[in-house]
C-alpha atoms as a PDB file:
ATOM      1  CA  UNK A   1       0.000   0.000   0.000  1.00  0.00           C
ATOM      2  CA  UNK A   2       0.975   3.654  -0.437  1.00  0.00           C
ATOM      3  CA  UNK A   3       0.555   6.127   2.390  1.00  0.00           C
ATOM      4  CA  UNK A   4       1.549   9.545   3.655  1.00  0.00           C
ATOM      5  CA  UNK A   5       3.573   8.820   6.788  1.00  0.00           C
ATOM      6  CA  UNK A   6       4.116  11.231   9.666  1.00  0.00           C
ATOM      7  CA  UNK A   7       7.256  10.234  11.546  1.00  0.00           C
ATOM      8  CA  UNK A   8       7.845  13.630  13.177  1.00  0.00           C
ATOM      9  CA  UNK A   9       4.807  15.898  13.714  1.00  0.00           C
ATOM     10  CA  UNK A  10       6.433  19.233  12.973  1.00  0.00           C
ATOM     11  CA  UNK A  11       4.379  20.149   9.908  1.00  0.00           C
ATOM     12  CA  UNK A  12       3.216  19.119   6.456  1.00  0.00           C
ATOM     13  CA  UNK A  13       6.746  19.375   5.069  1.00  0.00           C
ATOM     14  CA  UNK A  14       7.807  16.400   7.217  1.00  0.00           C
ATOM     15  CA  UNK A  15       5.267  14.007   5.647  1.00  0.00           C
ATOM     16  CA  UNK A  16       6.621  11.361   3.291  1.00  0.00           C
ATOM     17  CA  UNK A  17       4.863   9.325   0.588  1.00  0.00           C
ATOM     18  CA  UNK A  18       5.924   5.736   1.196  1.00  0.00           C
ATOM     19  CA  UNK A  19       5.227   2.128   0.284  1.00  0.00           C
ATOM     20  CA  UNK A  20       4.170   0.214   3.407  1.00  0.00           C
ATOM     21  CA  UNK A  21       3.024  -3.363   4.048  1.00  0.00           C
ATOM     22  CA  UNK A  22      -0.701  -3.750   3.438  1.00  0.00           C
ATOM     23  CA  UNK A  23      -2.226  -4.544   6.855  1.00  0.00           C
ATOM     24  CA  UNK A  24      -4.515  -7.471   7.599  1.00  0.00           C
ATOM     25  CA  UNK A  25      -7.695  -6.920   9.634  1.00  0.00           C
ATOM     26  CA  UNK A  26      -7.839  -8.456  13.099  1.00  0.00           C
ATOM     27  CA  UNK A  27     -10.942  -9.588  14.987  1.00  0.00           C
ATOM     28  CA  UNK A  28     -13.738  -7.027  14.663  1.00  0.00           C
ATOM     29  CA  UNK A  29     -11.853  -5.061  11.996  1.00  0.00           C
ATOM     30  CA  UNK A  30     -12.154  -4.456   8.261  1.00  0.00           C
ATOM     31  CA  UNK A  31      -9.656  -3.411   5.600  1.00  0.00           C
ATOM     32  CA  UNK A  32     -10.878  -0.636   3.340  1.00  0.00           C
ATOM     33  CA  UNK A  33      -9.492   0.067  -0.123  1.00  0.00           C
ATOM     34  CA  UNK A  34      -9.733   3.850   0.036  1.00  0.00           C
ATOM     35  CA  UNK A  35     -11.253   5.669  -2.925  1.00  0.00           C
ATOM     36  CA  UNK A  36     -11.435   9.199  -1.483  1.00  0.00           C
ATOM     37  CA  UNK A  37     -10.383  11.095   1.656  1.00  0.00           C
ATOM     38  CA  UNK A  38     -11.147  14.646   2.760  1.00  0.00           C
ATOM     39  CA  UNK A  39      -9.213  17.281   4.647  1.00  0.00           C
ATOM     40  CA  UNK A  40     -10.432  18.594   7.981  1.00  0.00           C
ATOM     41  CA  UNK A  41      -8.756  21.315  10.029  1.00  0.00           C
ATOM     42  CA  UNK A  42      -7.668  18.826  12.744  1.00  0.00           C
ATOM     43  CA  UNK A  43      -5.715  16.916  10.065  1.00  0.00           C
ATOM     44  CA  UNK A  44      -3.438  19.935   9.778  1.00  0.00           C
ATOM     45  CA  UNK A  45      -3.137  20.395  13.540  1.00  0.00           C
ATOM     46  CA  UNK A  46      -2.315  16.730  14.116  1.00  0.00           C
ATOM     47  CA  UNK A  47       0.666  16.726  11.705  1.00  0.00           C
ATOM     48  CA  UNK A  48       1.872  19.930  13.384  1.00  0.00           C
ATOM     49  CA  UNK A  49       1.686  18.335  16.842  1.00  0.00           C
ATOM     50  CA  UNK A  50      -0.885  20.950  17.920  1.00  0.00           C
ATOM     51  CA  UNK A  51      -3.996  18.797  18.244  1.00  0.00           C
ATOM     52  CA  UNK A  52      -5.343  17.608  21.616  1.00  0.00           C
ATOM     53  CA  UNK A  53      -5.020  14.013  20.417  1.00  0.00           C
ATOM     54  CA  UNK A  54      -1.419  13.049  19.642  1.00  0.00           C
ATOM     55  CA  UNK A  55      -1.115   9.582  18.082  1.00  0.00           C
ATOM     56  CA  UNK A  56       2.148   7.697  18.580  1.00  0.00           C
ATOM     57  CA  UNK A  57       4.581   8.050  15.700  1.00  0.00           C
ATOM     58  CA  UNK A  58       4.843   6.978  13.012  1.00  0.00           C
ATOM     59  CA  UNK A  59       1.233   7.322  11.900  1.00  0.00           C
ATOM     60  CA  UNK A  60      -0.773   7.910   8.744  1.00  0.00           C
ATOM     61  CA  UNK A  61      -2.893  11.072   9.060  1.00  0.00           C
ATOM     62  CA  UNK A  62      -6.321  11.524   7.516  1.00  0.00           C
ATOM     63  CA  UNK A  63      -9.412  11.262   9.700  1.00  0.00           C
ATOM     64  CA  UNK A  64     -12.148  10.844   7.119  1.00  0.00           C
ATOM     65  CA  UNK A  65     -12.408   8.629   4.061  1.00  0.00           C
ATOM     66  CA  UNK A  66     -14.607   6.384   1.937  1.00  0.00           C
ATOM     67  CA  UNK A  67     -13.967   3.253  -0.042  1.00  0.00           C
ATOM     68  CA  UNK A  68     -14.711  -0.430  -0.519  1.00  0.00           C
ATOM     69  CA  UNK A  69     -14.402  -3.207   2.053  1.00  0.00           C
ATOM     70  CA  UNK A  70     -11.595  -5.449   0.855  1.00  0.00           C
ATOM     71  CA  UNK A  71     -11.297  -7.909   3.763  1.00  0.00           C
ATOM     72  CA  UNK A  72     -13.024  -8.575   7.090  1.00  0.00           C
ATOM     73  CA  UNK A  73     -11.703  -9.983  10.360  1.00  0.00           C
ATOM     74  CA  UNK A  74     -13.222 -12.609  12.599  1.00  0.00           C
ATOM     75  CA  UNK A  75     -16.522 -11.664  14.150  1.00  0.00           C
ATOM     76  CA  UNK A  76     -17.567  -9.175  11.458  1.00  0.00           C
ATOM     77  CA  UNK A  77     -20.920 -10.248  10.049  1.00  0.00           C
ATOM     78  CA  UNK A  78     -22.676  -7.036   8.979  1.00  0.00           C
ATOM     79  CA  UNK A  79     -20.089  -6.104   6.331  1.00  0.00           C
ATOM     80  CA  UNK A  80     -18.554  -8.122   3.529  1.00  0.00           C
ATOM     81  CA  UNK A  81     -15.949  -7.563   0.801  1.00  0.00           C
ATOM     82  CA  UNK A  82     -17.321  -5.268  -1.887  1.00  0.00           C
ATOM     83  CA  UNK A  83     -19.466  -3.134   0.432  1.00  0.00           C
ATOM     84  CA  UNK A  84     -19.101   0.620   0.044  1.00  0.00           C
ATOM     85  CA  UNK A  85     -18.417   2.401   3.346  1.00  0.00           C
ATOM     86  CA  UNK A  86     -17.360   5.733   4.810  1.00  0.00           C
ATOM     87  CA  UNK A  87     -15.512   6.221   8.080  1.00  0.00           C
ATOM     88  CA  UNK A  88     -14.273   8.865  10.481  1.00  0.00           C
ATOM     89  CA  UNK A  89     -11.389   7.006  12.086  1.00  0.00           C
ATOM     90  CA  UNK A  90      -9.164   9.813  13.371  1.00  0.00           C
ATOM     91  CA  UNK A  91      -6.102   8.703  11.380  1.00  0.00           C
ATOM     92  CA  UNK A  92      -5.200   6.393   8.494  1.00  0.00           C
ATOM     93  CA  UNK A  93      -7.109   8.029   5.650  1.00  0.00           C
ATOM     94  CA  UNK A  94      -4.307   9.476   3.550  1.00  0.00           C
ATOM     95  CA  UNK A  95      -3.379   6.087   2.123  1.00  0.00           C
ATOM     96  CA  UNK A  96      -4.495   3.527  -0.400  1.00  0.00           C
ATOM     97  CA  UNK A  97      -5.718   1.173   2.377  1.00  0.00           C
ATOM     98  CA  UNK A  98      -6.722   1.380   6.029  1.00  0.00           C
ATOM     99  CA  UNK A  99      -7.702  -1.111   8.721  1.00  0.00           C
ATOM    100  CA  UNK A 100     -10.386   0.152  11.100  1.00  0.00           C
ATOM    101  CA  UNK A 101     -12.875  -1.252  13.614  1.00  0.00           C
ATOM    102  CA  UNK A 102     -15.928  -2.440  11.710  1.00  0.00           C
ATOM    103  CA  UNK A 103     -18.109  -0.427  14.094  1.00  0.00           C
ATOM    104  CA  UNK A 104     -16.617   2.804  12.724  1.00  0.00           C
ATOM    105  CA  UNK A 105     -17.759   2.094   9.172  1.00  0.00           C
ATOM    106  CA  UNK A 106     -20.946   3.673   7.823  1.00  0.00           C
ATOM    107  CA  UNK A 107     -22.449   1.486   5.065  1.00  0.00           C
ATOM    108  CA  UNK A 108     -23.229   3.648   2.044  1.00  0.00           C
ATOM    109  CA  UNK A 109     -26.539   3.371   0.204  1.00  0.00           C
ATOM    110  CA  UNK A 110     -26.469   2.942  -3.589  1.00  0.00           C
ATOM    111  CA  UNK A 111     -25.670   6.154  -5.433  1.00  0.00           C
ATOM    112  CA  UNK A 112     -23.609   7.744  -2.658  1.00  0.00           C
ATOM    113  CA  UNK A 113     -20.506   9.032  -4.484  1.00  0.00           C
ATOM    114  CA  UNK A 114     -17.197   8.262  -2.769  1.00  0.00           C
ATOM    115  CA  UNK A 115     -16.059  11.904  -3.059  1.00  0.00           C
ATOM    116  CA  UNK A 116     -19.225  13.064  -1.282  1.00  0.00           C
ATOM    117  CA  UNK A 117     -19.034  10.277   1.306  1.00  0.00           C
ATOM    118  CA  UNK A 118     -15.445  11.202   2.203  1.00  0.00           C
ATOM    119  CA  UNK A 119     -16.577  14.762   2.944  1.00  0.00           C
ATOM    120  CA  UNK A 120     -19.760  13.827   4.775  1.00  0.00           C
ATOM    121  CA  UNK A 121     -19.486  12.344   8.257  1.00  0.00           C
ATOM    122  CA  UNK A 122     -17.440  14.894  10.219  1.00  0.00           C
ATOM    123  CA  UNK A 123     -19.046  18.099   8.957  1.00  0.00           C
ATOM    124  CA  UNK A 124     -22.651  16.923   8.792  1.00  0.00           C
ATOM    125  CA  UNK A 125     -22.562  14.950  12.033  1.00  0.00           C
ATOM    126  CA  UNK A 126     -21.008  17.922  13.838  1.00  0.00           C
ATOM    127  CA  UNK A 127     -23.577  20.338  12.442  1.00  0.00           C
ATOM    128  CA  UNK A 128     -26.573  18.063  13.012  1.00  0.00           C
ATOM    129  CA  UNK A 129     -25.483  17.317  16.606  1.00  0.00           C
ATOM    130  CA  UNK A 130     -24.903  21.022  17.210  1.00  0.00           C
ATOM    131  CA  UNK A 131     -28.074  22.456  15.723  1.00  0.00           C
ATOM    132  CA  UNK A 132     -30.694  19.794  16.399  1.00  0.00           C
ATOM    133  CA  UNK A 133     -29.414  18.128  19.576  1.00  0.00           C
ATOM    134  CA  UNK A 134     -27.445  20.750  21.489  1.00  0.00           C
ATOM    135  CA  UNK A 135     -29.363  23.860  20.332  1.00  0.00           C
ATOM    136  CA  UNK A 136     -32.781  22.198  19.800  1.00  0.00           C
ATOM    137  CA  UNK A 137     -33.258  24.405  16.740  1.00  0.00           C
ATOM    138  CA  UNK A 138     -36.909  25.057  15.869  1.00  0.00           C
ATOM    139  CA  UNK A 139     -38.533  25.938  12.533  1.00  0.00           C
ATOM    140  CA  UNK A 140     -38.735  29.695  12.079  1.00  0.00           C
ATOM    141  CA  UNK A 141     -35.777  30.497  14.334  1.00  0.00           C
ATOM    142  CA  UNK A 142     -32.817  32.484  13.009  1.00  0.00           C
ATOM    143  CA  UNK A 143     -29.373  30.882  12.876  1.00  0.00           C
ATOM    144  CA  UNK A 144     -26.164  32.863  12.462  1.00  0.00           C
ATOM    145  CA  UNK A 145     -23.466  30.674  10.911  1.00  0.00           C
ATOM    146  CA  UNK A 146     -19.946  32.050  11.382  1.00  0.00           C
ATOM    147  CA  UNK A 147     -17.304  30.781   8.957  1.00  0.00           C
ATOM    148  CA  UNK A 148     -20.237  29.782   6.796  1.00  0.00           C
ATOM    149  CA  UNK A 149     -18.207  28.969   3.673  1.00  0.00           C
ATOM    150  CA  UNK A 150     -16.124  26.248   5.363  1.00  0.00           C
ATOM    151  CA  UNK A 151     -16.876  22.548   5.597  1.00  0.00           C
ATOM    152  CA  UNK A 152     -18.940  22.619   8.791  1.00  0.00           C
ATOM    153  CA  UNK A 153     -20.393  25.999   7.842  1.00  0.00           C
ATOM    154  CA  UNK A 154     -21.818  24.822   4.513  1.00  0.00           C
ATOM    155  CA  UNK A 155     -23.200  21.731   6.265  1.00  0.00           C
ATOM    156  CA  UNK A 156     -24.794  23.919   8.949  1.00  0.00           C
ATOM    157  CA  UNK A 157     -26.521  26.060   6.313  1.00  0.00           C
ATOM    158  CA  UNK A 158     -28.066  23.014   4.659  1.00  0.00           C
ATOM    159  CA  UNK A 159     -29.152  21.335   7.909  1.00  0.00           C
ATOM    160  CA  UNK A 160     -30.669  24.546   9.292  1.00  0.00           C
ATOM    161  CA  UNK A 161     -32.625  25.083   6.085  1.00  0.00           C
ATOM    162  CA  UNK A 162     -33.792  21.444   6.084  1.00  0.00           C
ATOM    163  CA  UNK A 163     -35.122  22.115   9.600  1.00  0.00           C
ATOM    164  CA  UNK A 164     -37.087  25.185   8.480  1.00  0.00           C
ATOM    165  CA  UNK A 165     -34.864  27.821  10.081  1.00  0.00           C
ATOM    166  CA  UNK A 166     -33.814  31.196   8.686  1.00  0.00           C
ATOM    167  CA  UNK A 167     -30.060  31.323   8.021  1.00  0.00           C
ATOM    168  CA  UNK A 168     -27.733  34.300   8.137  1.00  0.00           C
ATOM    169  CA  UNK A 169     -24.343  33.297   6.744  1.00  0.00           C
ATOM    170  CA  UNK A 170     -21.247  35.238   7.833  1.00  0.00           C
ATOM    171  CA  UNK A 171     -17.964  34.977   5.934  1.00  0.00           C
ATOM    172  CA  UNK A 172     -14.828  36.980   5.236  1.00  0.00           C
ATOM    173  CA  UNK A 173     -15.572  37.947   1.611  1.00  0.00           C
ATOM    174  CA  UNK A 174     -18.347  38.876  -0.786  1.00  0.00           C
ATOM    175  CA  UNK A 175     -17.423  35.938  -3.030  1.00  0.00           C
ATOM    176  CA  UNK A 176     -17.917  33.462  -0.174  1.00  0.00           C
ATOM    177  CA  UNK A 177     -21.197  35.154   0.707  1.00  0.00           C
ATOM    178  CA  UNK A 178     -22.468  34.582  -2.821  1.00  0.00           C
ATOM    179  CA  UNK A 179     -21.656  30.879  -2.551  1.00  0.00           C
ATOM    180  CA  UNK A 180     -23.542  30.659   0.752  1.00  0.00           C
ATOM    181  CA  UNK A 181     -26.586  32.410  -0.682  1.00  0.00           C
ATOM    182  CA  UNK A 182     -26.544  29.938  -3.577  1.00  0.00           C
ATOM    183  CA  UNK A 183     -26.585  27.126  -0.987  1.00  0.00           C
ATOM    184  CA  UNK A 184     -29.788  28.479   0.508  1.00  0.00           C
ATOM    185  CA  UNK A 185     -28.768  31.055   3.114  1.00  0.00           C
ATOM    186  CA  UNK A 186     -31.416  33.767   3.478  1.00  0.00           C
ATOM    187  CA  UNK A 187     -28.918  36.568   4.055  1.00  0.00           C
ATOM    188  CA  UNK A 188     -25.148  37.010   4.248  1.00  0.00           C
ATOM    189  CA  UNK A 189     -22.723  39.286   6.094  1.00  0.00           C
ATOM    190  CA  UNK A 190     -19.122  40.033   5.156  1.00  0.00           C
ATOM    191  CA  UNK A 191     -17.536  40.335   8.599  1.00  0.00           C
ATOM    192  CA  UNK A 192     -14.276  41.382   6.956  1.00  0.00           C
ATOM    193  CA  UNK A 193     -15.811  44.863   6.937  1.00  0.00           C
ATOM    194  CA  UNK A 194     -15.971  44.837  10.742  1.00  0.00           C
ATOM    195  CA  UNK A 195     -19.693  45.600  11.124  1.00  0.00           C
ATOM    196  CA  UNK A 196     -21.115  42.262  12.226  1.00  0.00           C
ATOM    197  CA  UNK A 197     -23.258  43.598  15.076  1.00  0.00           C
ATOM    198  CA  UNK A 198     -24.756  46.407  13.007  1.00  0.00           C
ATOM    199  CA  UNK A 199     -25.604  44.054  10.166  1.00  0.00           C
ATOM    200  CA  UNK A 200     -27.188  41.513  12.533  1.00  0.00           C
ATOM    201  CA  UNK A 201     -29.295  44.216  14.157  1.00  0.00           C
ATOM    202  CA  UNK A 202     -30.643  45.226  10.761  1.00  0.00           C
ATOM    203  CA  UNK A 203     -31.269  41.697   9.484  1.00  0.00           C
ATOM    204  CA  UNK A 204     -33.064  40.558  12.662  1.00  0.00           C
ATOM    205  CA  UNK A 205     -34.918  43.843  13.298  1.00  0.00           C
ATOM    206  CA  UNK A 206     -33.046  44.272  16.559  1.00  0.00           C
ATOM    207  CA  UNK A 207     -33.952  40.838  17.943  1.00  0.00           C
ATOM    208  CA  UNK A 208     -30.650  39.056  17.241  1.00  0.00           C
ATOM    209  CA  UNK A 209     -30.070  35.440  16.194  1.00  0.00           C
ATOM    210  CA  UNK A 210     -31.684  32.655  18.197  1.00  0.00           C
ATOM    211  CA  UNK A 211     -28.761  30.311  17.549  1.00  0.00           C
ATOM    212  CA  UNK A 212     -25.121  31.155  16.805  1.00  0.00           C
ATOM    213  CA  UNK A 213     -23.092  28.400  15.141  1.00  0.00           C
ATOM    214  CA  UNK A 214     -19.483  29.308  15.927  1.00  0.00           C
ATOM    215  CA  UNK A 215     -16.575  27.238  14.569  1.00  0.00           C
ATOM    216  CA  UNK A 216     -14.363  30.341  14.335  1.00  0.00           C
ATOM    217  CA  UNK A 217     -13.731  31.743  17.808  1.00  0.00           C
ATOM    218  CA  UNK A 218     -11.460  34.757  18.227  1.00  0.00           C
ATOM    219  CA  UNK A 219     -12.855  38.270  18.248  1.00  0.00           C
ATOM    220  CA  UNK A 220     -15.927  37.300  16.238  1.00  0.00           C
ATOM    221  CA  UNK A 221     -17.338  35.267  19.125  1.00  0.00           C
ATOM    222  CA  UNK A 222     -17.871  38.207  21.455  1.00  0.00           C
ATOM    223  CA  UNK A 223     -19.337  40.413  18.725  1.00  0.00           C
ATOM    224  CA  UNK A 224     -21.805  37.669  17.843  1.00  0.00           C
ATOM    225  CA  UNK A 225     -22.642  36.819  21.461  1.00  0.00           C
ATOM    226  CA  UNK A 226     -23.380  40.472  22.233  1.00  0.00           C
ATOM    227  CA  UNK A 227     -25.989  40.330  19.462  1.00  0.00           C
ATOM    228  CA  UNK A 228     -27.723  37.110  20.550  1.00  0.00           C
ATOM    229  CA  UNK A 229     -31.489  36.992  21.052  1.00  0.00           C
ATOM    230  CA  UNK A 230     -33.241  36.461  24.387  1.00  0.00           C
ATOM    231  CA  UNK A 231     -32.915  32.748  25.284  1.00  0.00           C
ATOM    232  CA  UNK A 232     -30.387  32.374  22.488  1.00  0.00           C
ATOM    233  CA  UNK A 233     -27.905  29.505  22.237  1.00  0.00           C
ATOM    234  CA  UNK A 234     -24.283  30.126  21.271  1.00  0.00           C
ATOM    235  CA  UNK A 235     -22.757  26.892  19.976  1.00  0.00           C
ATOM    236  CA  UNK A 236     -19.031  26.539  20.687  1.00  0.00           C
ATOM    237  CA  UNK A 237     -17.945  24.349  17.754  1.00  0.00           C
ATOM    238  CA  UNK A 238     -14.274  25.247  17.306  1.00  0.00           C
ATOM    239  CA  UNK A 239     -11.585  27.916  17.088  1.00  0.00           C
ATOM    240  CA  UNK A 240     -10.463  28.067  13.462  1.00  0.00           C
ATOM    241  CA  UNK A 241      -9.237  31.652  13.956  1.00  0.00           C
ATOM    242  CA  UNK A 242      -6.699  30.268  16.430  1.00  0.00           C
ATOM    243  CA  UNK A 243      -7.699  32.281  19.506  1.00  0.00           C
ATOM    244  CA  UNK A 244      -9.962  30.910  22.240  1.00  0.00           C
ATOM    245  CA  UNK A 245     -12.232  33.819  23.193  1.00  0.00           C
ATOM    246  CA  UNK A 246     -12.812  34.998  26.750  1.00  0.00           C
ATOM    247  CA  UNK A 247     -16.496  35.939  26.780  1.00  0.00           C
ATOM    248  CA  UNK A 248     -17.929  38.188  29.524  1.00  0.00           C
ATOM    249  CA  UNK A 249     -20.358  35.865  31.300  1.00  0.00           C
ATOM    250  CA  UNK A 250     -22.597  38.749  32.350  1.00  0.00           C
ATOM    251  CA  UNK A 251     -23.815  38.750  28.737  1.00  0.00           C
ATOM    252  CA  UNK A 252     -25.286  35.284  29.235  1.00  0.00           C
ATOM    253  CA  UNK A 253     -27.086  36.540  32.337  1.00  0.00           C
ATOM    254  CA  UNK A 254     -28.481  39.664  30.661  1.00  0.00           C
ATOM    255  CA  UNK A 255     -29.753  37.793  27.605  1.00  0.00           C
ATOM    256  CA  UNK A 256     -30.924  34.642  29.375  1.00  0.00           C
ATOM    257  CA  UNK A 257     -28.600  32.989  26.869  1.00  0.00           C
ATOM    258  CA  UNK A 258     -26.661  29.736  26.912  1.00  0.00           C
ATOM    259  CA  UNK A 259     -23.111  28.896  25.884  1.00  0.00           C
ATOM    260  CA  UNK A 260     -23.313  25.334  24.590  1.00  0.00           C
ATOM    261  CA  UNK A 261     -20.314  23.104  23.925  1.00  0.00           C
ATOM    262  CA  UNK A 262     -20.325  20.873  20.837  1.00  0.00           C
ATOM    263  CA  UNK A 263     -18.051  17.801  20.746  1.00  0.00           C
ATOM    264  CA  UNK A 264     -19.505  15.378  18.239  1.00  0.00           C
ATOM    265  CA  UNK A 265     -16.644  12.876  18.606  1.00  0.00           C
ATOM    266  CA  UNK A 266     -17.308  12.412  22.309  1.00  0.00           C
ATOM    267  CA  UNK A 267     -21.070  12.264  21.701  1.00  0.00           C
ATOM    268  CA  UNK A 268     -20.496   9.427  19.219  1.00  0.00           C
ATOM    269  CA  UNK A 269     -18.479   7.485  21.818  1.00  0.00           C
ATOM    270  CA  UNK A 270     -20.820   8.049  24.754  1.00  0.00           C
ATOM    271  CA  UNK A 271     -24.130   7.764  22.895  1.00  0.00           C
ATOM    272  CA  UNK A 272     -23.476   5.407  19.971  1.00  0.00           C
ATOM    273  CA  UNK A 273     -27.115   4.492  19.408  1.00  0.00           C
ATOM    274  CA  UNK A 274     -28.214   8.115  19.062  1.00  0.00           C
ATOM    275  CA  UNK A 275     -25.220   8.817  16.852  1.00  0.00           C
ATOM    276  CA  UNK A 276     -26.159   5.915  14.560  1.00  0.00           C
ATOM    277  CA  UNK A 277     -29.731   7.201  14.333  1.00  0.00           C
ATOM    278  CA  UNK A 278     -28.431  10.647  13.434  1.00  0.00           C
ATOM    279  CA  UNK A 279     -26.123   9.298  10.701  1.00  0.00           C
ATOM    280  CA  UNK A 280     -28.994   7.283   9.263  1.00  0.00           C
ATOM    281  CA  UNK A 281     -31.132  10.422   9.071  1.00  0.00           C
ATOM    282  CA  UNK A 282     -28.309  12.332   7.383  1.00  0.00           C
ATOM    283  CA  UNK A 283     -27.826   9.553   4.814  1.00  0.00           C
ATOM    284  CA  UNK A 284     -31.561   9.667   4.104  1.00  0.00           C
ATOM    285  CA  UNK A 285     -31.437  13.439   3.633  1.00  0.00           C
ATOM    286  CA  UNK A 286     -28.547  12.980   1.188  1.00  0.00           C
ATOM    287  CA  UNK A 287     -30.597  10.449  -0.800  1.00  0.00           C
ATOM    288  CA  UNK A 288     -33.523  12.895  -0.819  1.00  0.00           C
ATOM    289  CA  UNK A 289     -31.315  15.726  -2.089  1.00  0.00           C
ATOM    290  CA  UNK A 290     -31.781  17.878   1.026  1.00  0.00           C
ATOM    291  CA  UNK A 291     -28.047  17.981   1.774  1.00  0.00           C
ATOM    292  CA  UNK A 292     -24.928  17.482  -0.323  1.00  0.00           C
ATOM    293  CA  UNK A 293     -21.282  18.180   0.529  1.00  0.00           C
ATOM    294  CA  UNK A 294     -19.768  21.226  -1.119  1.00  0.00           C
ATOM    295  CA  UNK A 295     -16.490  20.190  -2.754  1.00  0.00           C
ATOM    296  CA  UNK A 296     -14.036  23.022  -3.306  1.00  0.00           C
ATOM    297  CA  UNK A 297     -11.736  20.815  -5.378  1.00  0.00           C
ATOM    298  CA  UNK A 298     -10.757  17.194  -5.910  1.00  0.00           C
ATOM    299  CA  UNK A 299      -7.044  16.344  -6.133  1.00  0.00           C
ATOM    300  CA  UNK A 300      -4.990  13.143  -6.403  1.00  0.00           C
ATOM    301  CA  UNK A 301      -3.880  11.775  -3.026  1.00  0.00           C
ATOM    302  CA  UNK A 302      -0.248  12.213  -4.068  1.00  0.00           C
ATOM    303  CA  UNK A 303      -0.857  15.998  -4.022  1.00  0.00           C
ATOM    304  CA  UNK A 304      -1.631  16.123  -0.291  1.00  0.00           C
ATOM    305  CA  UNK A 305       0.913  18.904   0.441  1.00  0.00           C
ATOM    306  CA  UNK A 306      -0.738  21.139  -2.179  1.00  0.00           C
ATOM    307  CA  UNK A 307      -4.137  20.360  -0.679  1.00  0.00           C
ATOM    308  CA  UNK A 308      -2.914  21.359   2.791  1.00  0.00           C
ATOM    309  CA  UNK A 309      -1.479  24.597   1.365  1.00  0.00           C
ATOM    310  CA  UNK A 310      -4.808  25.440  -0.237  1.00  0.00           C
ATOM    311  CA  UNK A 311      -6.706  24.732   2.990  1.00  0.00           C
ATOM    312  CA  UNK A 312      -4.259  26.888   4.968  1.00  0.00           C
ATOM    313  CA  UNK A 313      -4.926  29.808   2.607  1.00  0.00           C
ATOM    314  CA  UNK A 314      -8.474  30.005   4.024  1.00  0.00           C
ATOM    315  CA  UNK A 315      -9.868  30.339   0.507  1.00  0.00           C
ATOM    316  CA  UNK A 316     -11.654  26.979   0.607  1.00  0.00           C
ATOM    317  CA  UNK A 317     -15.412  26.883   0.136  1.00  0.00           C
ATOM    318  CA  UNK A 318     -16.644  23.546   1.492  1.00  0.00           C
ATOM    319  CA  UNK A 319     -14.177  20.655   1.546  1.00  0.00           C
ATOM    320  CA  UNK A 320     -11.001  19.561  -0.275  1.00  0.00           C
ATOM    321  CA  UNK A 321     -11.104  15.900  -1.318  1.00  0.00           C
ATOM    322  CA  UNK A 322      -8.274  13.601  -2.388  1.00  0.00           C
ATOM    323  CA  UNK A 323      -8.800  10.518  -4.551  1.00  0.00           C
ATOM    324  CA  UNK A 324      -6.705   7.384  -5.029  1.00  0.00           C
ATOM    325  CA  UNK A 325      -7.931   6.520  -8.517  1.00  0.00           C
END
């Protein structure tokens, strides 16, 4: 098998494209012939040694991928060679093959493209868990999506619209705003102009957003939280801007608002049955055409460094996908 190997997590430049022995699945495991893998922001952090989870070296990065079951270990009865699956395994995806626990594999229904499947689980599961579980989003409510042009942002727009909510997308450029409006957002704000609160006041007639979906952090978080509606819910999804904000907690008191943490990975571990039900609903929505991953570009797996460089430029709309074929 071919794989990108991280032997020293000091950055993308230290990755090497190597031939490695093709692994055999053990009990409860499957081997997947990978067809497509996607980039997520933690993939960059993990090869830089900056992520909260630090796998022992050497390791193959790449959390999310899709492909075909090639072999199954003892005790695996619900999957067989030839089945199409997607997985969010944490590592192992930037390779031609991966061995994972069979329980981590999501069987794909007919017609689910591998490129879409590789860009599906992390962003849509995070956004569904955030909006429908943690925020209990209701039809007719207004959702502000920060970083709306990114992978989780584009997923959040689609899920909020599928729920019957009004969506205000916020991005750093007019071009990204246009893409979000084309996805179904009802309004868009270019926060690069520095007038987020004024724009929100106008768009919500002074009420503010009921739910704030925040994967960005930094200075935007406080500006958004100061604008939140009475009984609003501010979803803490991530800190793509790099700075963890220090929010004045008196704002939560004054607005009767809630700061709500979102950690889909831990939810999946602690509540596997509910997570499986959620993934099944998302797969059904994909089949119905309600949601579909936004692919910024599709590159060969051998061009992983170029893909990382593009993602680091913060010009990506949706997800970058790498293919093995």
